[in-house]
ModelCIF file with pLDDT and N, C-alpha, C, O atoms, coordinates in Angstrom:
data_MODEL
#
_entry.id   MODEL 
#
_entity.id                         1 
_entity.type                       polymer 
_entity.pdbx_number_of_molecules   1 
#
_entity_poly.entity_id                      1 
_entity_poly.type                           'polypeptide(L)' 
_entity_poly.nstd_linkage                   no 
_entity_poly.nstd_monomer                   no 
_entity_poly.pdbx_seq_one_letter_code       
;(UNK)(UNK)(UNK)(UNK)(UNK)(UNK)(UNK)(UNK)(UNK)(UNK)(UNK)(UNK)(UNK)(UNK)(UNK)(UNK)
(UNK)(UNK)(UNK)(UNK)(UNK)(UNK)(UNK)(UNK)(UNK)(UNK)(UNK)(UNK)(UNK)(UNK)(UNK)(UNK)
(UNK)(UNK)(UNK)(UNK)(UNK)(UNK)(UNK)(UNK)(UNK)
;
_entity_poly.pdbx_seq_one_letter_code_can   XXXXXXXXXXXXXXXXXXXXXXXXXXXXXXXXXXXXXXXXX 
_entity_poly.pdbx_strand_id                 A 
#
loop_
_entity_poly_seq.entity_id 
_entity_poly_seq.num 
_entity_poly_seq.mon_id 
_entity_poly_seq.hetero 
1 1  UNK n 
1 2  UNK n 
1 3  UNK n 
1 4  UNK n 
1 5  UNK n 
1 6  UNK n 
1 7  UNK n 
1 8  UNK n 
1 9  UNK n 
1 10 UNK n 
1 11 UNK n 
1 12 UNK n 
1 13 UNK n 
1 14 UNK n 
1 15 UNK n 
1 16 UNK n 
1 17 UNK n 
1 18 UNK n 
1 19 UNK n 
1 20 UNK n 
1 21 UNK n 
1 22 UNK n 
1 23 UNK n 
1 24 UNK n 
1 25 UNK n 
1 26 UNK n 
1 27 UNK n 
1 28 UNK n 
1 29 UNK n 
1 30 UNK n 
1 31 UNK n 
1 32 UNK n 
1 33 UNK n 
1 34 UNK n 
1 35 UNK n 
1 36 UNK n 
1 37 UNK n 
1 38 UNK n 
1 39 UNK n 
1 40 UNK n 
1 41 UNK n 
#
_struct_asym.id          A 
_struct_asym.entity_id   1 
#
loop_
_ma_qa_metric.id 
_ma_qa_metric.mode 
_ma_qa_metric.name 
_ma_qa_metric.software_group_id 
_ma_qa_metric.type 
1 global pLDDT . pLDDT 
2 local  pLDDT . pLDDT 
#
_ma_qa_metric_global.metric_id      1 
_ma_qa_metric_global.metric_value   79.63 
_ma_qa_metric_global.model_id       1 
_ma_qa_metric_global.ordinal_id     1 
#
loop_
_ma_qa_metric_local.label_asym_id 
_ma_qa_metric_local.label_comp_id 
_ma_qa_metric_local.label_seq_id 
_ma_qa_metric_local.metric_id 
_ma_qa_metric_local.metric_value 
_ma_qa_metric_local.model_id 
_ma_qa_metric_local.ordinal_id 
A UNK 1  2 93.00 1 1  
A UNK 2  2 93.00 1 2  
A UNK 3  2 91.00 1 3  
A UNK 4  2 91.00 1 4  
A UNK 5  2 88.00 1 5  
A UNK 6  2 91.00 1 6  
A UNK 7  2 90.00 1 7  
A UNK 8  2 92.00 1 8  
A UNK 9  2 93.00 1 9  
A UNK 10 2 95.00 1 10 
A UNK 11 2 95.00 1 11 
A UNK 12 2 94.00 1 12 
A UNK 13 2 89.00 1 13 
A UNK 14 2 91.00 1 14 
A UNK 15 2 95.00 1 15 
A UNK 16 2 96.00 1 16 
A UNK 17 2 94.00 1 17 
A UNK 18 2 95.00 1 18 
A UNK 19 2 95.00 1 19 
A UNK 20 2 93.00 1 20 
A UNK 21 2 92.00 1 21 
A UNK 22 2 94.00 1 22 
A UNK 23 2 92.00 1 23 
A UNK 24 2 90.00 1 24 
A UNK 25 2 91.00 1 25 
A UNK 26 2 90.00 1 26 
A UNK 27 2 83.00 1 27 
A UNK 28 2 72.00 1 28 
A UNK 29 2 62.00 1 29 
A UNK 30 2 62.00 1 30 
A UNK 31 2 57.00 1 31 
A UNK 32 2 55.00 1 32 
A UNK 33 2 50.00 1 33 
A UNK 34 2 51.00 1 34 
A UNK 35 2 53.00 1 35 
A UNK 36 2 53.00 1 36 
A UNK 37 2 53.00 1 37 
A UNK 38 2 51.00 1 38 
A UNK 39 2 52.00 1 39 
A UNK 40 2 54.00 1 40 
A UNK 41 2 54.00 1 41 
#
loop_
_atom_site.group_PDB 
_atom_site.id 
_atom_site.type_symbol 
_atom_site.label_atom_id 
_atom_site.label_alt_id 
_atom_site.label_comp_id 
_atom_site.label_asym_id 
_atom_site.label_entity_id 
_atom_site.label_seq_id 
_atom_site.pdbx_PDB_ins_code 
_atom_site.Cartn_x 
_atom_site.Cartn_y 
_atom_site.Cartn_z 
_atom_site.occupancy 
_atom_site.B_iso_or_equiv 
_atom_site.pdbx_formal_charge 
_atom_site.auth_seq_id 
_atom_site.auth_comp_id 
_atom_site.auth_asym_id 
_atom_site.auth_atom_id 
_atom_site.pdbx_PDB_model_num 
ATOM 1   N N  . UNK A 1 1  ? -19.098 1.544   -4.018  1.00 93.00 ? 1  UNK A N  1 
ATOM 2   C CA . UNK A 1 1  ? -20.485 1.934   -4.231  1.00 93.00 ? 1  UNK A CA 1 
ATOM 3   C C  . UNK A 1 1  ? -21.011 2.919   -3.202  1.00 93.00 ? 1  UNK A C  1 
ATOM 4   O O  . UNK A 1 1  ? -22.170 3.326   -3.269  1.00 93.00 ? 1  UNK A O  1 
ATOM 5   N N  . UNK A 1 2  ? -20.161 3.309   -2.244  1.00 93.00 ? 2  UNK A N  1 
ATOM 6   C CA . UNK A 1 2  ? -20.550 4.294   -1.242  1.00 93.00 ? 2  UNK A CA 1 
ATOM 7   C C  . UNK A 1 2  ? -21.205 3.724   0.003   1.00 93.00 ? 2  UNK A C  1 
ATOM 8   O O  . UNK A 1 2  ? -21.675 4.479   0.854   1.00 93.00 ? 2  UNK A O  1 
ATOM 9   N N  . UNK A 1 3  ? -21.244 2.406   0.122   1.00 91.00 ? 3  UNK A N  1 
ATOM 10  C CA . UNK A 1 3  ? -21.839 1.772   1.307   1.00 91.00 ? 3  UNK A CA 1 
ATOM 11  C C  . UNK A 1 3  ? -20.805 1.762   2.430   1.00 91.00 ? 3  UNK A C  1 
ATOM 12  O O  . UNK A 1 3  ? -19.650 1.395   2.215   1.00 91.00 ? 3  UNK A O  1 
ATOM 13  N N  . UNK A 1 4  ? -21.223 2.164   3.619   1.00 91.00 ? 4  UNK A N  1 
ATOM 14  C CA . UNK A 1 4  ? -20.319 2.189   4.774   1.00 91.00 ? 4  UNK A CA 1 
ATOM 15  C C  . UNK A 1 4  ? -20.595 1.007   5.693   1.00 91.00 ? 4  UNK A C  1 
ATOM 16  O O  . UNK A 1 4  ? -21.745 0.689   5.997   1.00 91.00 ? 4  UNK A O  1 
ATOM 17  N N  . UNK A 1 5  ? -19.523 0.368   6.125   1.00 88.00 ? 5  UNK A N  1 
ATOM 18  C CA . UNK A 1 5  ? -19.588 -0.707  7.108   1.00 88.00 ? 5  UNK A CA 1 
ATOM 19  C C  . UNK A 1 5  ? -18.726 -0.258  8.290   1.00 88.00 ? 5  UNK A C  1 
ATOM 20  O O  . UNK A 1 5  ? -17.590 0.177   8.103   1.00 88.00 ? 5  UNK A O  1 
ATOM 21  N N  . UNK A 1 6  ? -19.256 -0.363  9.485   1.00 91.00 ? 6  UNK A N  1 
ATOM 22  C CA . UNK A 1 6  ? -18.549 0.068   10.685  1.00 91.00 ? 6  UNK A CA 1 
ATOM 23  C C  . UNK A 1 6  ? -17.938 -1.124  11.392  1.00 91.00 ? 6  UNK A C  1 
ATOM 24  O O  . UNK A 1 6  ? -18.521 -2.207  11.429  1.00 91.00 ? 6  UNK A O  1 
ATOM 25  N N  . UNK A 1 7  ? -16.751 -0.913  11.955  1.00 90.00 ? 7  UNK A N  1 
ATOM 26  C CA . UNK A 1 7  ? -16.016 -1.979  12.618  1.00 90.00 ? 7  UNK A CA 1 
ATOM 27  C C  . UNK A 1 7  ? -15.424 -1.454  13.921  1.00 90.00 ? 7  UNK A C  1 
ATOM 28  O O  . UNK A 1 7  ? -14.819 -0.382  13.939  1.00 90.00 ? 7  UNK A O  1 
ATOM 29  N N  . UNK A 1 8  ? -15.591 -2.189  14.996  1.00 92.00 ? 8  UNK A N  1 
ATOM 30  C CA . UNK A 1 8  ? -15.000 -1.860  16.292  1.00 92.00 ? 8  UNK A CA 1 
ATOM 31  C C  . UNK A 1 8  ? -13.844 -2.821  16.496  1.00 92.00 ? 8  UNK A C  1 
ATOM 32  O O  . UNK A 1 8  ? -14.056 -4.012  16.727  1.00 92.00 ? 8  UNK A O  1 
ATOM 33  N N  . UNK A 1 9  ? -12.618 -2.310  16.413  1.00 93.00 ? 9  UNK A N  1 
ATOM 34  C CA . UNK A 1 9  ? -11.416 -3.145  16.569  1.00 93.00 ? 9  UNK A CA 1 
ATOM 35  C C  . UNK A 1 9  ? -10.923 -3.029  18.005  1.00 93.00 ? 9  UNK A C  1 
ATOM 36  O O  . UNK A 1 9  ? -10.905 -1.944  18.584  1.00 93.00 ? 9  UNK A O  1 
ATOM 37  N N  . UNK A 1 10 ? -10.521 -4.170  18.570  1.00 95.00 ? 10 UNK A N  1 
ATOM 38  C CA . UNK A 1 10 ? -10.081 -4.220  19.972  1.00 95.00 ? 10 UNK A CA 1 
ATOM 39  C C  . UNK A 1 10 ? -8.741  -4.938  20.079  1.00 95.00 ? 10 UNK A C  1 
ATOM 40  O O  . UNK A 1 10 ? -8.549  -6.011  19.507  1.00 95.00 ? 10 UNK A O  1 
ATOM 41  N N  . UNK A 1 11 ? -7.830  -4.337  20.812  1.00 95.00 ? 11 UNK A N  1 
ATOM 42  C CA . UNK A 1 11 ? -6.482  -4.887  20.965  1.00 95.00 ? 11 UNK A CA 1 
ATOM 43  C C  . UNK A 1 11 ? -6.496  -6.280  21.594  1.00 95.00 ? 11 UNK A C  1 
ATOM 44  O O  . UNK A 1 11 ? -5.721  -7.141  21.178  1.00 95.00 ? 11 UNK A O  1 
ATOM 45  N N  . UNK A 1 12 ? -7.343  -6.519  22.570  1.00 94.00 ? 12 UNK A N  1 
ATOM 46  C CA . UNK A 1 12 ? -7.295  -7.793  23.296  1.00 94.00 ? 12 UNK A CA 1 
ATOM 47  C C  . UNK A 1 12 ? -7.632  -8.999  22.424  1.00 94.00 ? 12 UNK A C  1 
ATOM 48  O O  . UNK A 1 12 ? -7.293  -10.125 22.788  1.00 94.00 ? 12 UNK A O  1 
ATOM 49  N N  . UNK A 1 13 ? -8.287  -8.794  21.290  1.00 89.00 ? 13 UNK A N  1 
ATOM 50  C CA . UNK A 1 13 ? -8.650  -9.931  20.429  1.00 89.00 ? 13 UNK A CA 1 
ATOM 51  C C  . UNK A 1 13 ? -7.422  -10.561 19.768  1.00 89.00 ? 13 UNK A C  1 
ATOM 52  O O  . UNK A 1 13 ? -7.341  -11.783 19.653  1.00 89.00 ? 13 UNK A O  1 
ATOM 53  N N  . UNK A 1 14 ? -6.465  -9.733  19.334  1.00 91.00 ? 14 UNK A N  1 
ATOM 54  C CA . UNK A 1 14 ? -5.219  -10.232 18.723  1.00 91.00 ? 14 UNK A CA 1 
ATOM 55  C C  . UNK A 1 14 ? -4.092  -9.284  19.103  1.00 91.00 ? 14 UNK A C  1 
ATOM 56  O O  . UNK A 1 14 ? -3.603  -8.536  18.256  1.00 91.00 ? 14 UNK A O  1 
ATOM 57  N N  . UNK A 1 15 ? -3.672  -9.305  20.366  1.00 95.00 ? 15 UNK A N  1 
ATOM 58  C CA . UNK A 1 15 ? -2.676  -8.330  20.829  1.00 95.00 ? 15 UNK A CA 1 
ATOM 59  C C  . UNK A 1 15 ? -1.357  -8.382  20.060  1.00 95.00 ? 15 UNK A C  1 
ATOM 60  O O  . UNK A 1 15 ? -0.684  -7.360  19.927  1.00 95.00 ? 15 UNK A O  1 
ATOM 61  N N  . UNK A 1 16 ? -0.984  -9.539  19.558  1.00 96.00 ? 16 UNK A N  1 
ATOM 62  C CA . UNK A 1 16 ? 0.273   -9.655  18.814  1.00 96.00 ? 16 UNK A CA 1 
ATOM 63  C C  . UNK A 1 16 ? 0.212   -8.949  17.459  1.00 96.00 ? 16 UNK A C  1 
ATOM 64  O O  . UNK A 1 16 ? 1.255   -8.631  16.889  1.00 96.00 ? 16 UNK A O  1 
ATOM 65  N N  . UNK A 1 17 ? -1.000  -8.697  16.928  1.00 94.00 ? 17 UNK A N  1 
ATOM 66  C CA . UNK A 1 17 ? -1.175  -8.045  15.626  1.00 94.00 ? 17 UNK A CA 1 
ATOM 67  C C  . UNK A 1 17 ? -1.594  -6.585  15.738  1.00 94.00 ? 17 UNK A C  1 
ATOM 68  O O  . UNK A 1 17 ? -1.649  -5.874  14.734  1.00 94.00 ? 17 UNK A O  1 
ATOM 69  N N  . UNK A 1 18 ? -1.890  -6.135  16.964  1.00 95.00 ? 18 UNK A N  1 
ATOM 70  C CA . UNK A 1 18 ? -2.396  -4.776  17.165  1.00 95.00 ? 18 UNK A CA 1 
ATOM 71  C C  . UNK A 1 18 ? -1.443  -3.701  16.610  1.00 95.00 ? 18 UNK A C  1 
ATOM 72  O O  . UNK A 1 18 ? -1.906  -2.802  15.909  1.00 95.00 ? 18 UNK A O  1 
ATOM 73  N N  . UNK A 1 19 ? -0.136  -3.760  16.896  1.00 95.00 ? 19 UNK A N  1 
ATOM 74  C CA . UNK A 1 19 ? 0.748   -2.731  16.324  1.00 95.00 ? 19 UNK A CA 1 
ATOM 75  C C  . UNK A 1 19 ? 0.723   -2.718  14.790  1.00 95.00 ? 19 UNK A C  1 
ATOM 76  O O  . UNK A 1 19 ? 0.807   -1.654  14.178  1.00 95.00 ? 19 UNK A O  1 
ATOM 77  N N  . UNK A 1 20 ? 0.608   -3.892  14.175  1.00 93.00 ? 20 UNK A N  1 
ATOM 78  C CA . UNK A 1 20 ? 0.531   -3.973  12.712  1.00 93.00 ? 20 UNK A CA 1 
ATOM 79  C C  . UNK A 1 20 ? -0.728  -3.289  12.197  1.00 93.00 ? 20 UNK A C  1 
ATOM 80  O O  . UNK A 1 20 ? -0.676  -2.532  11.227  1.00 93.00 ? 20 UNK A O  1 
ATOM 81  N N  . UNK A 1 21 ? -1.852  -3.554  12.843  1.00 92.00 ? 21 UNK A N  1 
ATOM 82  C CA . UNK A 1 21 ? -3.114  -2.933  12.438  1.00 92.00 ? 21 UNK A CA 1 
ATOM 83  C C  . UNK A 1 21 ? -3.021  -1.421  12.575  1.00 92.00 ? 21 UNK A C  1 
ATOM 84  O O  . UNK A 1 21 ? -3.422  -0.692  11.668  1.00 92.00 ? 21 UNK A O  1 
ATOM 85  N N  . UNK A 1 22 ? -2.501  -0.943  13.691  1.00 94.00 ? 22 UNK A N  1 
ATOM 86  C CA . UNK A 1 22 ? -2.401  0.503   13.907  1.00 94.00 ? 22 UNK A CA 1 
ATOM 87  C C  . UNK A 1 22 ? -1.519  1.162   12.842  1.00 94.00 ? 22 UNK A C  1 
ATOM 88  O O  . UNK A 1 22 ? -1.853  2.235   12.338  1.00 94.00 ? 22 UNK A O  1 
ATOM 89  N N  . UNK A 1 23 ? -0.401  0.527   12.502  1.00 92.00 ? 23 UNK A N  1 
ATOM 90  C CA . UNK A 1 23 ? 0.457   1.086   11.454  1.00 92.00 ? 23 UNK A CA 1 
ATOM 91  C C  . UNK A 1 23 ? -0.267  1.104   10.113  1.00 92.00 ? 23 UNK A C  1 
ATOM 92  O O  . UNK A 1 23 ? -0.189  2.085   9.374   1.00 92.00 ? 23 UNK A O  1 
ATOM 93  N N  . UNK A 1 24 ? -0.957  0.039   9.808   1.00 90.00 ? 24 UNK A N  1 
ATOM 94  C CA . UNK A 1 24 ? -1.624  -0.069  8.513   1.00 90.00 ? 24 UNK A CA 1 
ATOM 95  C C  . UNK A 1 24 ? -2.769  0.932   8.359   1.00 90.00 ? 24 UNK A C  1 
ATOM 96  O O  . UNK A 1 24 ? -2.922  1.520   7.288   1.00 90.00 ? 24 UNK A O  1 
ATOM 97  N N  . UNK A 1 25 ? -3.568  1.136   9.393   1.00 91.00 ? 25 UNK A N  1 
ATOM 98  C CA . UNK A 1 25 ? -4.703  2.061   9.237   1.00 91.00 ? 25 UNK A CA 1 
ATOM 99  C C  . UNK A 1 25 ? -4.241  3.502   9.070   1.00 91.00 ? 25 UNK A C  1 
ATOM 100 O O  . UNK A 1 25 ? -4.965  4.323   8.506   1.00 91.00 ? 25 UNK A O  1 
ATOM 101 N N  . UNK A 1 26 ? -3.047  3.814   9.553   1.00 90.00 ? 26 UNK A N  1 
ATOM 102 C CA . UNK A 1 26 ? -2.540  5.175   9.402   1.00 90.00 ? 26 UNK A CA 1 
ATOM 103 C C  . UNK A 1 26 ? -1.590  5.339   8.219   1.00 90.00 ? 26 UNK A C  1 
ATOM 104 O O  . UNK A 1 26 ? -1.106  6.443   7.970   1.00 90.00 ? 26 UNK A O  1 
ATOM 105 N N  . UNK A 1 27 ? -1.318  4.265   7.491   1.00 83.00 ? 27 UNK A N  1 
ATOM 106 C CA . UNK A 1 27 ? -0.454  4.341   6.310   1.00 83.00 ? 27 UNK A CA 1 
ATOM 107 C C  . UNK A 1 27 ? -1.272  4.764   5.103   1.00 83.00 ? 27 UNK A C  1 
ATOM 108 O O  . UNK A 1 27 ? -2.466  4.481   5.007   1.00 83.00 ? 27 UNK A O  1 
ATOM 109 N N  . UNK A 1 28 ? -0.617  5.436   4.203   1.00 72.00 ? 28 UNK A N  1 
ATOM 110 C CA . UNK A 1 28 ? -1.276  5.816   2.956   1.00 72.00 ? 28 UNK A CA 1 
ATOM 111 C C  . UNK A 1 28 ? -1.124  4.672   1.957   1.00 72.00 ? 28 UNK A C  1 
ATOM 112 O O  . UNK A 1 28 ? -0.146  3.925   1.986   1.00 72.00 ? 28 UNK A O  1 
ATOM 113 N N  . UNK A 1 29 ? -2.116  4.555   1.072   1.00 62.00 ? 29 UNK A N  1 
ATOM 114 C CA . UNK A 1 29 ? -2.049  3.535   0.026   1.00 62.00 ? 29 UNK A CA 1 
ATOM 115 C C  . UNK A 1 29 ? -0.911  3.872   -0.935  1.00 62.00 ? 29 UNK A C  1 
ATOM 116 O O  . UNK A 1 29 ? -0.569  5.038   -1.132  1.00 62.00 ? 29 UNK A O  1 
ATOM 117 N N  . UNK A 1 30 ? -0.341  2.838   -1.522  1.00 62.00 ? 30 UNK A N  1 
ATOM 118 C CA . UNK A 1 30 ? 0.734   3.035   -2.495  1.00 62.00 ? 30 UNK A CA 1 
ATOM 119 C C  . UNK A 1 30 ? 0.160   3.668   -3.753  1.00 62.00 ? 30 UNK A C  1 
ATOM 120 O O  . UNK A 1 30 ? -0.916  3.279   -4.208  1.00 62.00 ? 30 UNK A O  1 
ATOM 121 N N  . UNK A 1 31 ? 0.868   4.639   -4.318  1.00 57.00 ? 31 UNK A N  1 
ATOM 122 C CA . UNK A 1 31 ? 0.419   5.244   -5.571  1.00 57.00 ? 31 UNK A CA 1 
ATOM 123 C C  . UNK A 1 31 ? 0.938   4.412   -6.735  1.00 57.00 ? 31 UNK A C  1 
ATOM 124 O O  . UNK A 1 31 ? 1.859   3.611   -6.575  1.00 57.00 ? 31 UNK A O  1 
ATOM 125 N N  . UNK A 1 32 ? 0.349   4.603   -7.891  1.00 55.00 ? 32 UNK A N  1 
ATOM 126 C CA . UNK A 1 32 ? 0.740   3.840   -9.069  1.00 55.00 ? 32 UNK A CA 1 
ATOM 127 C C  . UNK A 1 32 ? 2.176   4.161   -9.478  1.00 55.00 ? 32 UNK A C  1 
ATOM 128 O O  . UNK A 1 32 ? 2.931   3.267   -9.859  1.00 55.00 ? 32 UNK A O  1 
ATOM 129 N N  . UNK A 1 33 ? 2.545   5.425   -9.399  1.00 50.00 ? 33 UNK A N  1 
ATOM 130 C CA . UNK A 1 33 ? 3.911   5.814   -9.753  1.00 50.00 ? 33 UNK A CA 1 
ATOM 131 C C  . UNK A 1 33 ? 4.387   6.877   -8.771  1.00 50.00 ? 33 UNK A C  1 
ATOM 132 O O  . UNK A 1 33 ? 3.711   7.882   -8.549  1.00 50.00 ? 33 UNK A O  1 
ATOM 133 N N  . UNK A 1 34 ? 5.523   6.651   -8.205  1.00 51.00 ? 34 UNK A N  1 
ATOM 134 C CA . UNK A 1 34 ? 6.125   7.611   -7.287  1.00 51.00 ? 34 UNK A CA 1 
ATOM 135 C C  . UNK A 1 34 ? 7.132   8.411   -8.096  1.00 51.00 ? 34 UNK A C  1 
ATOM 136 O O  . UNK A 1 34 ? 7.924   7.820   -8.830  1.00 51.00 ? 34 UNK A O  1 
ATOM 137 N N  . UNK A 1 35 ? 7.131   9.769   -7.985  1.00 53.00 ? 35 UNK A N  1 
ATOM 138 C CA . UNK A 1 35 ? 8.014   10.572  -8.845  1.00 53.00 ? 35 UNK A CA 1 
ATOM 139 C C  . UNK A 1 35 ? 9.478   10.123  -8.870  1.00 53.00 ? 35 UNK A C  1 
ATOM 140 O O  . UNK A 1 35 ? 10.092  10.162  -9.936  1.00 53.00 ? 35 UNK A O  1 
ATOM 141 N N  . UNK A 1 36 ? 10.056  9.706   -7.760  1.00 53.00 ? 36 UNK A N  1 
ATOM 142 C CA . UNK A 1 36 ? 11.457  9.300   -7.786  1.00 53.00 ? 36 UNK A CA 1 
ATOM 143 C C  . UNK A 1 36 ? 11.673  7.925   -8.417  1.00 53.00 ? 36 UNK A C  1 
ATOM 144 O O  . UNK A 1 36 ? 12.813  7.502   -8.609  1.00 53.00 ? 36 UNK A O  1 
ATOM 145 N N  . UNK A 1 37 ? 10.575  7.224   -8.743  1.00 53.00 ? 37 UNK A N  1 
ATOM 146 C CA . UNK A 1 37 ? 10.689  5.944   -9.426  1.00 53.00 ? 37 UNK A CA 1 
ATOM 147 C C  . UNK A 1 37 ? 10.654  6.102   -10.940 1.00 53.00 ? 37 UNK A C  1 
ATOM 148 O O  . UNK A 1 37 ? 10.919  5.142   -11.664 1.00 53.00 ? 37 UNK A O  1 
ATOM 149 N N  . UNK A 1 38 ? 10.330  7.302   -11.433 1.00 51.00 ? 38 UNK A N  1 
ATOM 150 C CA . UNK A 1 38 ? 10.229  7.538   -12.862 1.00 51.00 ? 38 UNK A CA 1 
ATOM 151 C C  . UNK A 1 38 ? 11.616  7.925   -13.380 1.00 51.00 ? 38 UNK A C  1 
ATOM 152 O O  . UNK A 1 38 ? 12.205  8.893   -12.901 1.00 51.00 ? 38 UNK A O  1 
ATOM 153 N N  . UNK A 1 39 ? 12.137  7.181   -14.351 1.00 52.00 ? 39 UNK A N  1 
ATOM 154 C CA . UNK A 1 39 ? 13.479  7.486   -14.856 1.00 52.00 ? 39 UNK A CA 1 
ATOM 155 C C  . UNK A 1 39 ? 13.504  8.833   -15.578 1.00 52.00 ? 39 UNK A C  1 
ATOM 156 O O  . UNK A 1 39 ? 12.566  9.196   -16.288 1.00 52.00 ? 39 UNK A O  1 
ATOM 157 N N  . UNK A 1 40 ? 14.588  9.552   -15.380 1.00 54.00 ? 40 UNK A N  1 
ATOM 158 C CA . UNK A 1 40 ? 14.747  10.840  -16.066 1.00 54.00 ? 40 UNK A CA 1 
ATOM 159 C C  . UNK A 1 40 ? 15.375  10.592  -17.425 1.00 54.00 ? 40 UNK A C  1 
ATOM 160 O O  . UNK A 1 40 ? 16.182  9.678   -17.595 1.00 54.00 ? 40 UNK A O  1 
ATOM 161 N N  . UNK A 1 41 ? 14.993  11.425  -18.395 1.00 54.00 ? 41 UNK A N  1 
ATOM 162 C CA . UNK A 1 41 ? 15.594  11.307  -19.725 1.00 54.00 ? 41 UNK A CA 1 
ATOM 163 C C  . UNK A 1 41 ? 16.599  12.436  -19.867 1.00 54.00 ? 41 UNK A C  1 
ATOM 164 O O  . UNK A 1 41 ? 17.246  12.559  -20.907 1.00 54.00 ? 41 UNK A O  1 
#
């Protein structure tokens, strides 16, 4: 709906999960179909 919510994330709150969070925020979302997944005829 276009509403923005701001979040301040801090490593010290869950240091064991920090690398996971950093990887996830910089990862792209999965697309519905990836060209190499489509079978060729």
